[in-house]
Amino acid sequence: MRSDIMFERIETLRLTDPKRYEALIREGMAYEQGEYGKAEKRTATLKSLEEAHFSKEAKYASISKAVLEGKKADVVRQTKELLSGGKDPVDLVSNALMPGIQVQCEMYDQGNAYVPEILMSNDAMLGGIALCQEKLGNIPMKGKVISFVAEGDLHDIGKNIVAAIMRANGYMVVDLGRDVPASVVAETADKEKANMVCGSTLMSTTKPGLVETAQILGKKLPKVPIACGGAAVSANFVGTFDNAIYTKSPLITVNTANEVIKGKNWKDFR
């Protein structure tokens, strides 16, 4: 990736969203100081990650590579070509678009990629997902979910990916954004008659926001569970409070929503 483009994006972020810029800088400093990823770091090479995650189909792998490199125009062009050729939109999301961001995030986990690169990859991926969603636009809506990042947390890349994948799988997503109080989530879930809530956080200090949201929902809307995910969230943590389900990945979140629609409650997932 060209450094001039990266720094231009960083400067734009600093000017347009200084609060988020500062949060990302703090995150980067914490990573450098070893506060993130204290467990043994993986040392997989870029090539091995691509081999592990990219499709064997050349055209799919090409889109994944373009996502990884943050080349939105290439992603949009190639996705449009495959959709015009009759490829399944959901299949493209799962096997062409998502693998690119997966590799980028794993590189970041190892300290071999940086926040601006993830932002550019995410933007490129969402460009392709938007086309897939347009293709799926007339399918019946399966249900409705509320998406948010816990209060105090400004990291929304994971939330954006989950919301996009949910939409691509036929769900209406009411995206509340980042740094959202539990009371706002519950009020919106009630107003929108949501089937499920999706909450995430990257920071350990903001995990209580997920707990509070689950508690309010449990009292106000006992049939509406919260699917919890994000770097700071684990199955053990989610198991310490009621009305919550641990979802490790976007596709697991989709499958969880499918089961909730069928009548499963949070206890069934435990």
C-alpha atoms as a PDB file:
ATOM      1  CA  MET A   1       0.000   0.000   0.000  1.00  0.00           C
ATOM      2  CA  ARG A   2       1.330   3.459  -0.892  1.00  0.00           C
ATOM      3  CA  SER A   3       2.292   5.426   2.220  1.00  0.00           C
ATOM      4  CA  ASP A   4       1.001   8.733   0.800  1.00  0.00           C
ATOM      5  CA  ILE A   5      -2.502   7.297   0.432  1.00  0.00           C
ATOM      6  CA  MET A   6      -2.377   5.842   3.955  1.00  0.00           C
ATOM      7  CA  PHE A   7      -1.294   9.105   5.533  1.00  0.00           C
ATOM      8  CA  GLU A   8      -3.896  11.040   3.538  1.00  0.00           C
ATOM      9  CA  ARG A   9      -6.592   8.770   4.965  1.00  0.00           C
ATOM     10  CA  ILE A  10      -5.190   9.206   8.475  1.00  0.00           C
ATOM     11  CA  GLU A  11      -5.199  12.994   8.151  1.00  0.00           C
ATOM     12  CA  THR A  12      -8.781  12.964   6.841  1.00  0.00           C
ATOM     13  CA  LEU A  13      -9.860  10.867   9.813  1.00  0.00           C
ATOM     14  CA  ARG A  14      -8.085  13.249  12.220  1.00  0.00           C
ATOM     15  CA  LEU A  15      -9.914  16.259  10.784  1.00  0.00           C
ATOM     16  CA  THR A  16     -13.368  14.747  10.337  1.00  0.00           C
ATOM     17  CA  ASP A  17     -13.613  12.538  13.420  1.00  0.00           C
ATOM     18  CA  PRO A  18     -11.000  13.613  16.021  1.00  0.00           C
ATOM     19  CA  LYS A  19     -12.594  11.572  18.811  1.00  0.00           C
ATOM     20  CA  ARG A  20     -12.296   8.357  16.857  1.00  0.00           C
ATOM     21  CA  TYR A  21      -8.812   9.317  15.652  1.00  0.00           C
ATOM     22  CA  GLU A  22      -7.603   9.691  19.238  1.00  0.00           C
ATOM     23  CA  ALA A  23      -9.155   6.357  20.204  1.00  0.00           C
ATOM     24  CA  LEU A  24      -7.413   4.601  17.328  1.00  0.00           C
ATOM     25  CA  ILE A  25      -4.092   6.218  18.226  1.00  0.00           C
ATOM     26  CA  ARG A  26      -4.481   5.032  21.837  1.00  0.00           C
ATOM     27  CA  GLU A  27      -5.282   1.564  20.574  1.00  0.00           C
ATOM     28  CA  GLY A  28      -2.168   1.532  18.397  1.00  0.00           C
ATOM     29  CA  MET A  29       0.015   2.704  21.278  1.00  0.00           C
ATOM     30  CA  ALA A  30      -1.438   0.056  23.556  1.00  0.00           C
ATOM     31  CA  TYR A  31      -0.723  -2.594  20.957  1.00  0.00           C
ATOM     32  CA  GLU A  32       2.870  -1.442  20.564  1.00  0.00           C
ATOM     33  CA  GLN A  33       3.331  -1.505  24.347  1.00  0.00           C
ATOM     34  CA  GLY A  34       2.059  -5.062  24.520  1.00  0.00           C
ATOM     35  CA  GLU A  35      -1.267  -4.359  26.205  1.00  0.00           C
ATOM     36  CA  TYR A  36      -3.110  -6.155  23.413  1.00  0.00           C
ATOM     37  CA  GLY A  37      -2.357  -9.679  22.336  1.00  0.00           C
ATOM     38  CA  LYS A  38      -0.417 -10.719  25.429  1.00  0.00           C
ATOM     39  CA  ALA A  39      -1.075 -14.313  24.455  1.00  0.00           C
ATOM     40  CA  GLU A  40       1.473 -15.868  22.127  1.00  0.00           C
ATOM     41  CA  LYS A  41       1.368 -14.046  18.794  1.00  0.00           C
ATOM     42  CA  ARG A  42       0.766 -16.013  15.639  1.00  0.00           C
ATOM     43  CA  THR A  43       3.501 -15.885  13.059  1.00  0.00           C
ATOM     44  CA  ALA A  44       1.649 -16.996   9.944  1.00  0.00           C
ATOM     45  CA  THR A  45       2.937 -15.404   6.758  1.00  0.00           C
ATOM     46  CA  LEU A  46       0.732 -13.395   4.416  1.00  0.00           C
ATOM     47  CA  LYS A  47       1.012 -16.157   1.833  1.00  0.00           C
ATOM     48  CA  SER A  48      -0.068 -18.861   4.273  1.00  0.00           C
ATOM     49  CA  LEU A  49      -3.031 -16.764   5.435  1.00  0.00           C
ATOM     50  CA  GLU A  50      -4.134 -16.204   1.854  1.00  0.00           C
ATOM     51  CA  GLU A  51      -3.840 -19.925   1.157  1.00  0.00           C
ATOM     52  CA  ALA A  52      -5.893 -20.675   4.260  1.00  0.00           C
ATOM     53  CA  HIS A  53      -8.696 -18.182   3.631  1.00  0.00           C
ATOM     54  CA  PHE A  54      -8.856 -17.326  -0.070  1.00  0.00           C
ATOM     55  CA  SER A  55     -11.032 -19.350  -2.426  1.00  0.00           C
ATOM     56  CA  LYS A  56      -9.410 -21.671  -4.925  1.00  0.00           C
ATOM     57  CA  GLU A  57     -11.557 -20.003  -7.587  1.00  0.00           C
ATOM     58  CA  ALA A  58      -9.313 -17.388  -9.183  1.00  0.00           C
ATOM     59  CA  LYS A  59     -11.959 -14.690  -9.632  1.00  0.00           C
ATOM     60  CA  TYR A  60     -13.049 -14.991  -6.000  1.00  0.00           C
ATOM     61  CA  ALA A  61      -9.434 -14.874  -4.806  1.00  0.00           C
ATOM     62  CA  SER A  62      -8.867 -11.759  -6.936  1.00  0.00           C
ATOM     63  CA  ILE A  63     -11.673  -9.954  -5.128  1.00  0.00           C
ATOM     64  CA  SER A  64     -10.297 -11.078  -1.765  1.00  0.00           C
ATOM     65  CA  LYS A  65      -6.875  -9.720  -2.723  1.00  0.00           C
ATOM     66  CA  ALA A  66      -8.390  -6.393  -3.776  1.00  0.00           C
ATOM     67  CA  VAL A  67     -10.180  -6.145  -0.410  1.00  0.00           C
ATOM     68  CA  LEU A  68      -6.943  -6.930   1.388  1.00  0.00           C
ATOM     69  CA  GLU A  69      -5.157  -4.174  -0.528  1.00  0.00           C
ATOM     70  CA  GLY A  70      -7.969  -1.668   0.033  1.00  0.00           C
ATOM     71  CA  LYS A  71      -8.682  -1.257  -3.698  1.00  0.00           C
ATOM     72  CA  LYS A  72     -12.373  -0.373  -3.573  1.00  0.00           C
ATOM     73  CA  ALA A  73     -12.743   0.417  -7.285  1.00  0.00           C
ATOM     74  CA  ASP A  74     -11.337  -3.005  -8.209  1.00  0.00           C
ATOM     75  CA  VAL A  75     -13.587  -4.732  -5.674  1.00  0.00           C
ATOM     76  CA  VAL A  76     -16.682  -2.969  -6.994  1.00  0.00           C
ATOM     77  CA  ARG A  77     -15.793  -3.660 -10.636  1.00  0.00           C
ATOM     78  CA  GLN A  78     -15.036  -7.349 -10.128  1.00  0.00           C
ATOM     79  CA  THR A  79     -18.033  -7.942  -7.864  1.00  0.00           C
ATOM     80  CA  LYS A  80     -20.319  -6.274 -10.401  1.00  0.00           C
ATOM     81  CA  GLU A  81     -18.937  -8.507 -13.162  1.00  0.00           C
ATOM     82  CA  LEU A  82     -19.532 -11.701 -11.194  1.00  0.00           C
ATOM     83  CA  LEU A  83     -23.042 -10.636 -10.169  1.00  0.00           C
ATOM     84  CA  SER A  84     -23.843  -9.882 -13.817  1.00  0.00           C
ATOM     85  CA  GLY A  85     -22.567 -13.342 -14.660  1.00  0.00           C
ATOM     86  CA  GLY A  86     -25.064 -14.938 -12.286  1.00  0.00           C
ATOM     87  CA  LYS A  87     -22.969 -15.554  -9.183  1.00  0.00           C
ATOM     88  CA  ASP A  88     -24.882 -15.876  -5.917  1.00  0.00           C
ATOM     89  CA  PRO A  89     -24.595 -12.644  -3.858  1.00  0.00           C
ATOM     90  CA  VAL A  90     -24.427 -14.412  -0.503  1.00  0.00           C
ATOM     91  CA  ASP A  91     -21.738 -16.743  -1.826  1.00  0.00           C
ATOM     92  CA  LEU A  92     -19.733 -13.725  -2.997  1.00  0.00           C
ATOM     93  CA  VAL A  93     -19.993 -12.084   0.413  1.00  0.00           C
ATOM     94  CA  SER A  94     -18.901 -15.206   2.265  1.00  0.00           C
ATOM     95  CA  ASN A  95     -16.228 -16.537  -0.071  1.00  0.00           C
ATOM     96  CA  ALA A  96     -14.887 -13.544  -2.003  1.00  0.00           C
ATOM     97  CA  LEU A  97     -15.350 -10.396   0.092  1.00  0.00           C
ATOM     98  CA  MET A  98     -15.021 -11.582   3.695  1.00  0.00           C
ATOM     99  CA  PRO A  99     -11.757 -13.543   3.274  1.00  0.00           C
ATOM    100  CA  GLY A 100      -9.907 -10.334   2.395  1.00  0.00           C
ATOM    101  CA  ILE A 101     -10.823  -8.580   5.636  1.00  0.00           C
ATOM    102  CA  GLN A 102     -10.189 -11.818   7.547  1.00  0.00           C
ATOM    103  CA  VAL A 103      -6.586 -11.938   6.357  1.00  0.00           C
ATOM    104  CA  GLN A 104      -6.115  -8.218   7.034  1.00  0.00           C
ATOM    105  CA  CYS A 105      -7.383  -8.603  10.617  1.00  0.00           C
ATOM    106  CA  GLU A 106      -5.147 -11.604  11.251  1.00  0.00           C
ATOM    107  CA  MET A 107      -2.168  -9.629   9.950  1.00  0.00           C
ATOM    108  CA  TYR A 108      -3.128  -6.841  12.344  1.00  0.00           C
ATOM    109  CA  ASP A 109      -3.356  -9.285  15.236  1.00  0.00           C
ATOM    110  CA  GLN A 110       0.254 -10.248  14.518  1.00  0.00           C
ATOM    111  CA  GLY A 111       1.401  -6.642  14.384  1.00  0.00           C
ATOM    112  CA  ASN A 112       1.989  -6.809  10.628  1.00  0.00           C
ATOM    113  CA  ALA A 113      -0.812  -4.440   9.610  1.00  0.00           C
ATOM    114  CA  TYR A 114      -2.111  -1.159  10.976  1.00  0.00           C
ATOM    115  CA  VAL A 115      -5.447   0.494  11.678  1.00  0.00           C
ATOM    116  CA  PRO A 116      -5.547   2.610   8.459  1.00  0.00           C
ATOM    117  CA  GLU A 117      -5.027  -0.545   6.387  1.00  0.00           C
ATOM    118  CA  ILE A 118      -7.947  -2.245   8.127  1.00  0.00           C
ATOM    119  CA  LEU A 119     -10.099   0.832   7.530  1.00  0.00           C
ATOM    120  CA  MET A 120      -9.275   0.823   3.818  1.00  0.00           C
ATOM    121  CA  SER A 121      -9.897  -2.916   3.508  1.00  0.00           C
ATOM    122  CA  ASN A 122     -13.200  -2.552   5.327  1.00  0.00           C
ATOM    123  CA  ASP A 123     -14.262   0.283   3.005  1.00  0.00           C
ATOM    124  CA  ALA A 124     -13.356  -1.787  -0.046  1.00  0.00           C
ATOM    125  CA  MET A 125     -15.255  -4.811   1.242  1.00  0.00           C
ATOM    126  CA  LEU A 126     -18.376  -2.776   2.023  1.00  0.00           C
ATOM    127  CA  GLY A 127     -18.351  -1.455  -1.546  1.00  0.00           C
ATOM    128  CA  GLY A 128     -18.765  -5.005  -2.807  1.00  0.00           C
ATOM    129  CA  ILE A 129     -21.265  -5.956  -0.120  1.00  0.00           C
ATOM    130  CA  ALA A 130     -23.457  -2.993  -1.084  1.00  0.00           C
ATOM    131  CA  LEU A 131     -23.736  -4.396  -4.619  1.00  0.00           C
ATOM    132  CA  CYS A 132     -24.609  -7.843  -3.280  1.00  0.00           C
ATOM    133  CA  GLN A 133     -27.266  -6.333  -1.032  1.00  0.00           C
ATOM    134  CA  GLU A 134     -28.785  -4.478  -3.990  1.00  0.00           C
ATOM    135  CA  LYS A 135     -29.045  -7.791  -5.819  1.00  0.00           C
ATOM    136  CA  LEU A 136     -30.784  -9.315  -2.813  1.00  0.00           C
ATOM    137  CA  GLY A 137     -32.988  -6.275  -2.278  1.00  0.00           C
ATOM    138  CA  ASN A 138     -36.282  -7.915  -3.170  1.00  0.00           C
ATOM    139  CA  ILE A 139     -35.959 -10.997  -0.990  1.00  0.00           C
ATOM    140  CA  PRO A 140     -38.352 -11.260   1.978  1.00  0.00           C
ATOM    141  CA  MET A 141     -36.980  -9.893   5.232  1.00  0.00           C
ATOM    142  CA  LYS A 142     -36.190 -12.664   7.716  1.00  0.00           C
ATOM    143  CA  GLY A 143     -36.279 -10.437  10.761  1.00  0.00           C
ATOM    144  CA  LYS A 144     -34.923  -7.308  12.375  1.00  0.00           C
ATOM    145  CA  VAL A 145     -31.823  -6.822  14.516  1.00  0.00           C
ATOM    146  CA  ILE A 146     -30.326  -3.871  16.381  1.00  0.00           C
ATOM    147  CA  SER A 147     -26.569  -3.358  15.968  1.00  0.00           C
ATOM    148  CA  PHE A 148     -24.326  -1.303  18.274  1.00  0.00           C
ATOM    149  CA  VAL A 149     -20.943  -0.915  19.944  1.00  0.00           C
ATOM    150  CA  ALA A 150     -20.954  -0.703  23.751  1.00  0.00           C
ATOM    151  CA  GLU A 151     -20.925   2.672  25.472  1.00  0.00           C
ATOM    152  CA  GLY A 152     -17.433   4.138  25.694  1.00  0.00           C
ATOM    153  CA  ASP A 153     -16.040   2.130  22.762  1.00  0.00           C
ATOM    154  CA  LEU A 154     -15.402   3.827  19.400  1.00  0.00           C
ATOM    155  CA  HIS A 155     -14.164   0.766  17.475  1.00  0.00           C
ATOM    156  CA  ASP A 156     -16.825  -0.186  14.940  1.00  0.00           C
ATOM    157  CA  ILE A 157     -15.102  -2.198  12.212  1.00  0.00           C
ATOM    158  CA  GLY A 158     -16.352  -5.539  13.545  1.00  0.00           C
ATOM    159  CA  LYS A 159     -19.831  -4.135  14.084  1.00  0.00           C
ATOM    160  CA  ASN A 160     -19.925  -2.831  10.511  1.00  0.00           C
ATOM    161  CA  ILE A 161     -18.925  -6.203   9.118  1.00  0.00           C
ATOM    162  CA  VAL A 162     -21.566  -8.041  11.134  1.00  0.00           C
ATOM    163  CA  ALA A 163     -24.252  -5.532  10.097  1.00  0.00           C
ATOM    164  CA  ALA A 164     -23.308  -5.885   6.436  1.00  0.00           C
ATOM    165  CA  ILE A 165     -23.358  -9.686   6.574  1.00  0.00           C
ATOM    166  CA  MET A 166     -26.699  -9.670   8.375  1.00  0.00           C
ATOM    167  CA  ARG A 167     -28.164  -7.467   5.635  1.00  0.00           C
ATOM    168  CA  ALA A 168     -26.712  -9.722   2.960  1.00  0.00           C
ATOM    169  CA  ASN A 169     -28.513 -12.636   4.621  1.00  0.00           C
ATOM    170  CA  GLY A 170     -31.933 -10.993   4.557  1.00  0.00           C
ATOM    171  CA  TYR A 171     -32.114  -9.155   7.880  1.00  0.00           C
ATOM    172  CA  MET A 172     -33.116  -5.551   8.394  1.00  0.00           C
ATOM    173  CA  VAL A 173     -30.408  -3.963  10.544  1.00  0.00           C
ATOM    174  CA  VAL A 174     -30.970  -0.859  12.639  1.00  0.00           C
ATOM    175  CA  ASP A 175     -27.394   0.315  13.159  1.00  0.00           C
ATOM    176  CA  LEU A 176     -27.030   2.571  16.211  1.00  0.00           C
ATOM    177  CA  GLY A 177     -23.305   3.070  15.677  1.00  0.00           C
ATOM    178  CA  ARG A 178     -20.651   3.150  18.373  1.00  0.00           C
ATOM    179  CA  ASP A 179     -20.550   4.391  21.995  1.00  0.00           C
ATOM    180  CA  VAL A 180     -24.235   3.574  22.594  1.00  0.00           C
ATOM    181  CA  PRO A 181     -25.848   3.533  26.096  1.00  0.00           C
ATOM    182  CA  ALA A 182     -27.715   0.374  27.081  1.00  0.00           C
ATOM    183  CA  SER A 183     -30.955   2.318  27.602  1.00  0.00           C
ATOM    184  CA  VAL A 184     -30.889   3.572  23.999  1.00  0.00           C
ATOM    185  CA  VAL A 185     -30.392   0.032  22.700  1.00  0.00           C
ATOM    186  CA  ALA A 186     -33.342  -1.281  24.708  1.00  0.00           C
ATOM    187  CA  GLU A 187     -35.611   1.600  23.704  1.00  0.00           C
ATOM    188  CA  THR A 188     -34.786   1.090  20.039  1.00  0.00           C
ATOM    189  CA  ALA A 189     -35.274  -2.676  20.236  1.00  0.00           C
ATOM    190  CA  ASP A 190     -38.713  -2.096  21.735  1.00  0.00           C
ATOM    191  CA  LYS A 191     -39.681   0.589  19.220  1.00  0.00           C
ATOM    192  CA  GLU A 192     -38.462  -1.407  16.206  1.00  0.00           C
ATOM    193  CA  LYS A 193     -39.880  -4.728  17.458  1.00  0.00           C
ATOM    194  CA  ALA A 194     -36.474  -6.344  16.986  1.00  0.00           C
ATOM    195  CA  ASN A 195     -35.898 -10.085  17.089  1.00  0.00           C
ATOM    196  CA  MET A 196     -32.319  -9.859  18.352  1.00  0.00           C
ATOM    197  CA  VAL A 197     -29.675  -7.335  19.376  1.00  0.00           C
ATOM    198  CA  CYS A 198     -26.041  -7.517  18.242  1.00  0.00           C
ATOM    199  CA  GLY A 199     -23.534  -5.841  20.563  1.00  0.00           C
ATOM    200  CA  SER A 200     -19.760  -5.733  20.453  1.00  0.00           C
ATOM    201  CA  THR A 201     -16.730  -4.199  22.139  1.00  0.00           C
ATOM    202  CA  LEU A 202     -12.998  -4.303  21.585  1.00  0.00           C
ATOM    203  CA  MET A 203     -12.090  -2.956  25.020  1.00  0.00           C
ATOM    204  CA  SER A 204     -12.268  -4.766  28.357  1.00  0.00           C
ATOM    205  CA  THR A 205     -13.241  -1.546  30.135  1.00  0.00           C
ATOM    206  CA  THR A 206     -16.492  -1.270  28.159  1.00  0.00           C
ATOM    207  CA  LYS A 207     -17.694  -4.859  28.553  1.00  0.00           C
ATOM    208  CA  PRO A 208     -20.101  -3.841  31.351  1.00  0.00           C
ATOM    209  CA  GLY A 209     -22.146  -2.049  28.685  1.00  0.00           C
ATOM    210  CA  LEU A 210     -23.026  -5.414  27.160  1.00  0.00           C
ATOM    211  CA  VAL A 211     -23.997  -6.800  30.556  1.00  0.00           C
ATOM    212  CA  GLU A 212     -26.234  -3.816  31.295  1.00  0.00           C
ATOM    213  CA  THR A 213     -27.876  -4.085  27.880  1.00  0.00           C
ATOM    214  CA  ALA A 214     -28.600  -7.781  28.419  1.00  0.00           C
ATOM    215  CA  GLN A 215     -30.102  -7.068  31.843  1.00  0.00           C
ATOM    216  CA  ILE A 216     -32.390  -4.285  30.587  1.00  0.00           C
ATOM    217  CA  LEU A 217     -33.510  -6.379  27.633  1.00  0.00           C
ATOM    218  CA  GLY A 218     -34.137  -9.353  29.910  1.00  0.00           C
ATOM    219  CA  LYS A 219     -36.544  -7.299  32.002  1.00  0.00           C
ATOM    220  CA  LYS A 220     -38.170  -5.259  29.256  1.00  0.00           C
ATOM    221  CA  LEU A 221     -38.022  -7.648  26.267  1.00  0.00           C
ATOM    222  CA  PRO A 222     -37.319 -11.158  27.601  1.00  0.00           C
ATOM    223  CA  LYS A 223     -37.698 -12.723  24.150  1.00  0.00           C
ATOM    224  CA  VAL A 224     -34.995 -10.495  22.621  1.00  0.00           C
ATOM    225  CA  PRO A 225     -31.478 -11.826  23.386  1.00  0.00           C
ATOM    226  CA  ILE A 226     -28.227  -9.992  22.767  1.00  0.00           C
ATOM    227  CA  ALA A 227     -25.564 -11.630  20.603  1.00  0.00           C
ATOM    228  CA  CYS A 228     -22.191 -10.507  21.965  1.00  0.00           C
ATOM    229  CA  GLY A 229     -18.897 -10.408  20.094  1.00  0.00           C
ATOM    230  CA  GLY A 230     -15.676  -8.477  19.661  1.00  0.00           C
ATOM    231  CA  ALA A 231     -12.031  -8.824  20.636  1.00  0.00           C
ATOM    232  CA  ALA A 232     -12.657  -8.304  24.353  1.00  0.00           C
ATOM    233  CA  VAL A 233     -15.545 -10.773  24.495  1.00  0.00           C
ATOM    234  CA  SER A 234     -15.294 -14.501  25.192  1.00  0.00           C
ATOM    235  CA  ALA A 235     -17.684 -17.385  25.766  1.00  0.00           C
ATOM    236  CA  ASN A 236     -16.669 -17.468  29.432  1.00  0.00           C
ATOM    237  CA  PHE A 237     -17.488 -13.786  29.865  1.00  0.00           C
ATOM    238  CA  VAL A 238     -20.893 -14.077  28.172  1.00  0.00           C
ATOM    239  CA  GLY A 239     -21.647 -17.098  30.335  1.00  0.00           C
ATOM    240  CA  THR A 240     -21.556 -14.918  33.464  1.00  0.00           C
ATOM    241  CA  PHE A 241     -24.824 -13.092  32.704  1.00  0.00           C
ATOM    242  CA  ASP A 242     -28.283 -13.949  31.385  1.00  0.00           C
ATOM    243  CA  ASN A 243     -30.085 -13.182  28.124  1.00  0.00           C
ATOM    244  CA  ALA A 244     -26.848 -13.238  26.114  1.00  0.00           C
ATOM    245  CA  ILE A 245     -25.314 -15.443  23.407  1.00  0.00           C
ATOM    246  CA  TYR A 246     -21.640 -15.507  22.433  1.00  0.00           C
ATOM    247  CA  THR A 247     -21.127 -15.177  18.671  1.00  0.00           C
ATOM    248  CA  LYS A 248     -17.496 -15.442  17.586  1.00  0.00           C
ATOM    249  CA  SER A 249     -17.892 -14.472  13.920  1.00  0.00           C
ATOM    250  CA  PRO A 250     -20.345 -12.722  11.553  1.00  0.00           C
ATOM    251  CA  LEU A 251     -21.581 -15.984  10.069  1.00  0.00           C
ATOM    252  CA  ILE A 252     -22.157 -17.459  13.529  1.00  0.00           C
ATOM    253  CA  THR A 253     -24.177 -14.323  14.308  1.00  0.00           C
ATOM    254  CA  VAL A 254     -26.312 -14.933  11.213  1.00  0.00           C
ATOM    255  CA  ASN A 255     -26.871 -18.570  12.158  1.00  0.00           C
ATOM    256  CA  THR A 256     -27.754 -17.513  15.709  1.00  0.00           C
ATOM    257  CA  ALA A 257     -30.334 -15.044  14.405  1.00  0.00           C
ATOM    258  CA  ASN A 258     -31.813 -17.768  12.201  1.00  0.00           C
ATOM    259  CA  GLU A 259     -32.315 -19.961  15.259  1.00  0.00           C
ATOM    260  CA  VAL A 260     -33.731 -17.101  17.343  1.00  0.00           C
ATOM    261  CA  ILE A 261     -36.283 -16.458  14.587  1.00  0.00           C
ATOM    262  CA  LYS A 262     -37.305 -20.111  14.866  1.00  0.00           C
ATOM    263  CA  GLY A 263     -37.986 -19.698  18.581  1.00  0.00           C
ATOM    264  CA  LYS A 264     -34.742 -20.528  20.384  1.00  0.00           C
ATOM    265  CA  ASN A 265     -33.873 -18.431  23.436  1.00  0.00           C
ATOM    266  CA  TRP A 266     -30.521 -17.654  25.010  1.00  0.00           C
ATOM    267  CA  LYS A 267     -30.709 -20.667  27.311  1.00  0.00           C
ATOM    268  CA  ASP A 268     -30.887 -23.017  24.321  1.00  0.00           C
ATOM    269  CA  PHE A 269     -27.477 -21.780  23.174  1.00  0.00           C
ATOM    270  CA  ARG A 270     -25.870 -22.473  26.545  1.00  0.00           C
END
